[in-house]
Amino acid sequence: YISKICFMILIYATLNNQEEARKIGRRILEEKLANCVNFFPINCIYSYENEIKEEPEIVIIIKTKKEKFEQVEKLIKSEINYTNFIGQLEINKANAEFLKWLDGVV
């Protein structure tokens, strides 16, 4: 699995609440687009329409393969009706046991 390390990515996305994250996470796993999903609350401060705003958000982190990004993005967008962030984080190294699990699920 060492030679296959670059096939893994993390998808970092923001959502409005834990119910959305739970529903999206379960769908991603049911459709075998990832082997593991984490979500947790954060505070967000952002600039919008010349105003600084602050509000709670949920971050969802999806552990998957590079070629699954577009499918995951489409699934997330099908579940929400607002603009959010969906980004890909490259993984340069990961433990072999995790990569083997990922490869066996996705």
N, C-alpha and C. Protein backbone atom coordinates (compact mmCIF):
# COMPACT_ATOMS: atom_id res chain seq x y z
N TYR A 1 0.81 -1.21 0.00
CA TYR A 1 0.00 0.00 0.00
C TYR A 1 0.84 1.26 0.00
N ILE A 2 2.11 1.16 0.27
CA ILE A 2 2.95 2.35 0.28
C ILE A 2 2.95 3.02 -1.10
N SER A 3 3.02 2.24 -2.18
CA SER A 3 3.05 2.84 -3.51
C SER A 3 1.71 3.44 -3.91
N LYS A 4 0.64 3.10 -3.22
CA LYS A 4 -0.69 3.61 -3.55
C LYS A 4 -1.11 4.77 -2.66
N ILE A 5 -0.21 5.31 -1.86
CA ILE A 5 -0.58 6.32 -0.88
C ILE A 5 -1.32 7.50 -1.49
N CYS A 6 -0.92 7.96 -2.64
CA CYS A 6 -1.51 9.17 -3.20
C CYS A 6 -2.94 8.98 -3.70
N PHE A 7 -3.52 7.77 -3.62
CA PHE A 7 -4.89 7.57 -4.07
C PHE A 7 -5.91 8.07 -3.05
N MET A 8 -5.49 8.35 -1.83
CA MET A 8 -6.42 8.76 -0.78
C MET A 8 -6.51 10.28 -0.67
N ILE A 9 -7.72 10.76 -0.39
CA ILE A 9 -7.96 12.17 -0.09
C ILE A 9 -8.89 12.29 1.11
N LEU A 10 -8.92 13.48 1.67
CA LEU A 10 -9.96 13.85 2.62
C LEU A 10 -10.82 14.90 1.92
N ILE A 11 -12.12 14.78 2.05
CA ILE A 11 -13.01 15.82 1.57
C ILE A 11 -13.53 16.54 2.81
N TYR A 12 -13.29 17.84 2.84
CA TYR A 12 -13.69 18.70 3.97
C TYR A 12 -14.86 19.53 3.46
N ALA A 13 -15.99 19.44 4.14
CA ALA A 13 -17.17 20.21 3.73
C ALA A 13 -17.83 20.81 4.96
N THR A 14 -18.55 21.91 4.74
CA THR A 14 -19.27 22.56 5.82
C THR A 14 -20.76 22.41 5.59
N LEU A 15 -21.49 22.20 6.69
CA LEU A 15 -22.94 22.01 6.65
C LEU A 15 -23.59 22.83 7.76
N ASN A 16 -24.90 22.93 7.72
CA ASN A 16 -25.62 23.74 8.71
C ASN A 16 -25.88 23.04 10.03
N ASN A 17 -26.07 21.71 10.01
CA ASN A 17 -26.42 21.04 11.27
C ASN A 17 -26.02 19.57 11.26
N GLN A 18 -26.09 18.96 12.44
CA GLN A 18 -25.66 17.57 12.60
C GLN A 18 -26.57 16.59 11.88
N GLU A 19 -27.85 16.89 11.77
CA GLU A 19 -28.76 15.99 11.05
C GLU A 19 -28.37 15.87 9.59
N GLU A 20 -28.02 17.01 8.97
CA GLU A 20 -27.54 16.98 7.58
C GLU A 20 -26.28 16.13 7.48
N ALA A 21 -25.35 16.35 8.40
CA ALA A 21 -24.09 15.61 8.38
C ALA A 21 -24.33 14.11 8.56
N ARG A 22 -25.21 13.75 9.47
CA ARG A 22 -25.51 12.34 9.72
C ARG A 22 -26.14 11.71 8.47
N LYS A 23 -27.10 12.39 7.86
CA LYS A 23 -27.78 11.86 6.68
C LYS A 23 -26.81 11.73 5.51
N ILE A 24 -26.02 12.77 5.27
CA ILE A 24 -25.05 12.75 4.18
C ILE A 24 -23.99 11.68 4.44
N GLY A 25 -23.48 11.61 5.66
CA GLY A 25 -22.47 10.61 6.00
C GLY A 25 -22.96 9.19 5.78
N ARG A 26 -24.18 8.91 6.20
CA ARG A 26 -24.75 7.57 6.01
C ARG A 26 -24.92 7.24 4.53
N ARG A 27 -25.39 8.22 3.74
CA ARG A 27 -25.56 7.98 2.30
C ARG A 27 -24.21 7.70 1.63
N ILE A 28 -23.19 8.46 2.02
CA ILE A 28 -21.85 8.27 1.45
C ILE A 28 -21.36 6.85 1.75
N LEU A 29 -21.57 6.38 2.97
CA LEU A 29 -21.14 5.03 3.33
C LEU A 29 -21.99 3.97 2.64
N GLU A 30 -23.30 4.18 2.59
CA GLU A 30 -24.18 3.21 1.92
C GLU A 30 -23.83 3.07 0.45
N GLU A 31 -23.43 4.16 -0.19
CA GLU A 31 -23.08 4.13 -1.61
C GLU A 31 -21.61 3.77 -1.84
N LYS A 32 -20.91 3.41 -0.77
CA LYS A 32 -19.51 2.98 -0.82
C LYS A 32 -18.59 4.02 -1.46
N LEU A 33 -18.85 5.29 -1.14
CA LEU A 33 -18.02 6.38 -1.63
C LEU A 33 -16.89 6.72 -0.66
N ALA A 34 -16.91 6.13 0.52
CA ALA A 34 -15.89 6.34 1.55
C ALA A 34 -15.94 5.18 2.52
N ASN A 35 -14.89 5.07 3.34
CA ASN A 35 -14.91 4.04 4.37
C ASN A 35 -15.16 4.63 5.76
N CYS A 36 -15.06 5.97 5.89
CA CYS A 36 -15.22 6.59 7.20
C CYS A 36 -15.58 8.06 7.01
N VAL A 37 -16.49 8.55 7.85
CA VAL A 37 -16.90 9.95 7.83
C VAL A 37 -16.90 10.46 9.26
N ASN A 38 -16.32 11.63 9.47
CA ASN A 38 -16.35 12.30 10.78
C ASN A 38 -17.12 13.60 10.63
N PHE A 39 -17.85 13.99 11.67
CA PHE A 39 -18.45 15.32 11.66
C PHE A 39 -18.47 15.87 13.08
N PHE A 40 -18.35 17.20 13.16
CA PHE A 40 -18.27 17.84 14.46
C PHE A 40 -18.62 19.32 14.34
N PRO A 41 -19.10 19.92 15.43
CA PRO A 41 -19.47 21.35 15.40
C PRO A 41 -18.25 22.25 15.49
N ILE A 42 -18.34 23.39 14.81
CA ILE A 42 -17.31 24.43 14.89
C ILE A 42 -18.01 25.79 14.92
N ASN A 43 -17.25 26.84 15.17
CA ASN A 43 -17.75 28.20 15.03
C ASN A 43 -17.15 28.78 13.77
N CYS A 44 -17.95 29.51 13.03
CA CYS A 44 -17.50 30.09 11.76
C CYS A 44 -17.66 31.60 11.81
N ILE A 45 -16.61 32.32 11.45
CA ILE A 45 -16.65 33.78 11.28
C ILE A 45 -16.33 34.04 9.82
N TYR A 46 -17.19 34.78 9.14
CA TYR A 46 -16.98 35.01 7.72
C TYR A 46 -17.50 36.38 7.30
N SER A 47 -17.02 36.82 6.15
CA SER A 47 -17.44 38.10 5.59
C SER A 47 -18.46 37.82 4.48
N TYR A 48 -19.63 38.44 4.58
CA TYR A 48 -20.68 38.25 3.60
C TYR A 48 -21.47 39.54 3.43
N GLU A 49 -21.56 40.02 2.21
CA GLU A 49 -22.27 41.26 1.89
C GLU A 49 -21.81 42.42 2.78
N ASN A 50 -20.47 42.58 2.86
CA ASN A 50 -19.83 43.66 3.63
C ASN A 50 -20.13 43.62 5.12
N GLU A 51 -20.45 42.46 5.65
CA GLU A 51 -20.69 42.28 7.08
C GLU A 51 -19.87 41.11 7.58
N ILE A 52 -19.37 41.23 8.80
CA ILE A 52 -18.70 40.10 9.46
C ILE A 52 -19.77 39.38 10.26
N LYS A 53 -19.91 38.08 9.98
CA LYS A 53 -20.94 37.28 10.65
C LYS A 53 -20.27 36.15 11.40
N GLU A 54 -20.95 35.66 12.41
CA GLU A 54 -20.47 34.52 13.19
C GLU A 54 -21.64 33.61 13.49
N GLU A 55 -21.43 32.31 13.24
CA GLU A 55 -22.49 31.34 13.53
C GLU A 55 -21.91 29.93 13.62
N PRO A 56 -22.65 29.02 14.21
CA PRO A 56 -22.17 27.63 14.29
C PRO A 56 -22.30 26.94 12.94
N GLU A 57 -21.44 25.96 12.72
CA GLU A 57 -21.44 25.15 11.51
C GLU A 57 -21.06 23.74 11.90
N ILE A 58 -21.27 22.82 10.99
CA ILE A 58 -20.80 21.45 11.17
C ILE A 58 -19.77 21.18 10.07
N VAL A 59 -18.64 20.62 10.45
CA VAL A 59 -17.63 20.18 9.48
C VAL A 59 -17.81 18.67 9.31
N ILE A 60 -17.79 18.24 8.06
CA ILE A 60 -17.80 16.81 7.76
C ILE A 60 -16.50 16.50 7.02
N ILE A 61 -15.81 15.46 7.46
CA ILE A 61 -14.57 15.02 6.84
C ILE A 61 -14.80 13.61 6.31
N ILE A 62 -14.60 13.45 5.02
CA ILE A 62 -14.87 12.19 4.35
C ILE A 62 -13.55 11.59 3.89
N LYS A 63 -13.28 10.37 4.30
CA LYS A 63 -12.04 9.68 3.93
C LYS A 63 -12.34 8.78 2.74
N THR A 64 -11.72 9.09 1.59
CA THR A 64 -12.08 8.39 0.36
C THR A 64 -10.92 8.38 -0.63
N LYS A 65 -11.22 7.96 -1.85
CA LYS A 65 -10.24 7.92 -2.94
C LYS A 65 -10.43 9.14 -3.84
N LYS A 66 -9.32 9.56 -4.47
CA LYS A 66 -9.33 10.75 -5.33
C LYS A 66 -10.45 10.73 -6.35
N GLU A 67 -10.67 9.59 -6.98
CA GLU A 67 -11.64 9.53 -8.08
C GLU A 67 -13.09 9.65 -7.61
N LYS A 68 -13.33 9.69 -6.30
CA LYS A 68 -14.70 9.77 -5.78
C LYS A 68 -15.13 11.20 -5.46
N PHE A 69 -14.24 12.19 -5.62
CA PHE A 69 -14.58 13.56 -5.23
C PHE A 69 -15.86 14.06 -5.89
N GLU A 70 -15.97 13.95 -7.20
CA GLU A 70 -17.14 14.50 -7.91
C GLU A 70 -18.43 13.83 -7.46
N GLN A 71 -18.40 12.52 -7.23
CA GLN A 71 -19.60 11.81 -6.77
C GLN A 71 -20.01 12.28 -5.38
N VAL A 72 -19.03 12.46 -4.50
CA VAL A 72 -19.33 12.93 -3.14
C VAL A 72 -19.87 14.35 -3.20
N GLU A 73 -19.24 15.21 -4.00
CA GLU A 73 -19.71 16.59 -4.15
C GLU A 73 -21.16 16.62 -4.64
N LYS A 74 -21.48 15.82 -5.64
CA LYS A 74 -22.84 15.77 -6.18
C LYS A 74 -23.83 15.29 -5.12
N LEU A 75 -23.45 14.28 -4.35
CA LEU A 75 -24.32 13.76 -3.30
C LEU A 75 -24.60 14.84 -2.25
N ILE A 76 -23.56 15.54 -1.81
CA ILE A 76 -23.73 16.61 -0.80
C ILE A 76 -24.68 17.67 -1.35
N LYS A 77 -24.44 18.12 -2.57
CA LYS A 77 -25.28 19.17 -3.17
C LYS A 77 -26.72 18.72 -3.34
N SER A 78 -26.95 17.43 -3.51
CA SER A 78 -28.32 16.92 -3.66
C SER A 78 -29.09 16.96 -2.34
N GLU A 79 -28.37 17.07 -1.22
CA GLU A 79 -29.00 17.04 0.10
C GLU A 79 -29.20 18.42 0.72
N ILE A 80 -28.59 19.45 0.15
CA ILE A 80 -28.69 20.80 0.74
C ILE A 80 -29.10 21.81 -0.34
N ASN A 81 -29.61 22.96 0.09
CA ASN A 81 -30.05 23.98 -0.88
C ASN A 81 -29.38 25.33 -0.61
N TYR A 82 -28.14 25.32 -0.16
CA TYR A 82 -27.38 26.54 0.11
C TYR A 82 -25.95 26.34 -0.36
N THR A 83 -25.21 27.44 -0.46
CA THR A 83 -23.82 27.39 -0.87
C THR A 83 -22.96 27.05 0.34
N ASN A 84 -22.16 26.02 0.20
CA ASN A 84 -21.24 25.62 1.26
C ASN A 84 -19.86 25.39 0.66
N PHE A 85 -18.90 25.04 1.50
CA PHE A 85 -17.56 24.72 1.04
C PHE A 85 -17.42 23.21 0.94
N ILE A 86 -16.88 22.74 -0.18
CA ILE A 86 -16.53 21.33 -0.36
C ILE A 86 -15.14 21.34 -0.98
N GLY A 87 -14.14 20.86 -0.24
CA GLY A 87 -12.77 20.91 -0.73
C GLY A 87 -12.06 19.58 -0.57
N GLN A 88 -11.05 19.40 -1.41
CA GLN A 88 -10.25 18.18 -1.40
C GLN A 88 -8.91 18.47 -0.75
N LEU A 89 -8.53 17.65 0.22
CA LEU A 89 -7.22 17.74 0.88
C LEU A 89 -6.42 16.51 0.48
N GLU A 90 -5.24 16.74 -0.04
CA GLU A 90 -4.38 15.63 -0.48
C GLU A 90 -3.73 14.96 0.74
N ILE A 91 -3.61 13.67 0.66
CA ILE A 91 -2.92 12.89 1.70
C ILE A 91 -1.63 12.35 1.08
N ASN A 92 -0.49 12.73 1.66
CA ASN A 92 0.80 12.26 1.14
C ASN A 92 1.21 10.92 1.73
N LYS A 93 0.82 10.68 2.98
CA LYS A 93 1.16 9.43 3.64
C LYS A 93 0.01 9.03 4.56
N ALA A 94 -0.18 7.73 4.70
CA ALA A 94 -1.16 7.19 5.65
C ALA A 94 -0.72 5.79 6.02
N ASN A 95 -1.19 5.32 7.17
CA ASN A 95 -0.78 3.98 7.59
C ASN A 95 -1.39 2.92 6.68
N ALA A 96 -0.62 1.88 6.42
CA ALA A 96 -0.98 0.83 5.48
C ALA A 96 -2.28 0.14 5.84
N GLU A 97 -2.52 -0.06 7.13
CA GLU A 97 -3.75 -0.75 7.56
C GLU A 97 -4.98 0.05 7.16
N PHE A 98 -4.92 1.37 7.33
CA PHE A 98 -6.06 2.21 6.96
C PHE A 98 -6.28 2.18 5.45
N LEU A 99 -5.21 2.29 4.69
CA LEU A 99 -5.32 2.28 3.23
C LEU A 99 -5.88 0.96 2.72
N LYS A 100 -5.51 -0.12 3.36
CA LYS A 100 -6.04 -1.44 2.99
C LYS A 100 -7.54 -1.49 3.25
N TRP A 101 -7.98 -0.94 4.39
CA TRP A 101 -9.40 -0.88 4.72
C TRP A 101 -10.14 -0.03 3.69
N LEU A 102 -9.60 1.15 3.38
CA LEU A 102 -10.21 2.04 2.39
C LEU A 102 -10.35 1.32 1.04
N ASP A 103 -9.28 0.69 0.62
CA ASP A 103 -9.28 -0.01 -0.66
C ASP A 103 -10.29 -1.15 -0.68
N GLY A 104 -10.51 -1.79 0.47
CA GLY A 104 -11.46 -2.90 0.54
C GLY A 104 -12.92 -2.45 0.56
N VAL A 105 -13.18 -1.19 0.93
CA VAL A 105 -14.55 -0.70 1.04
C VAL A 105 -14.97 0.10 -0.17
N VAL A 106 -14.08 0.95 -0.66
CA VAL A 106 -14.43 1.89 -1.74
C VAL A 106 -14.05 1.30 -3.08
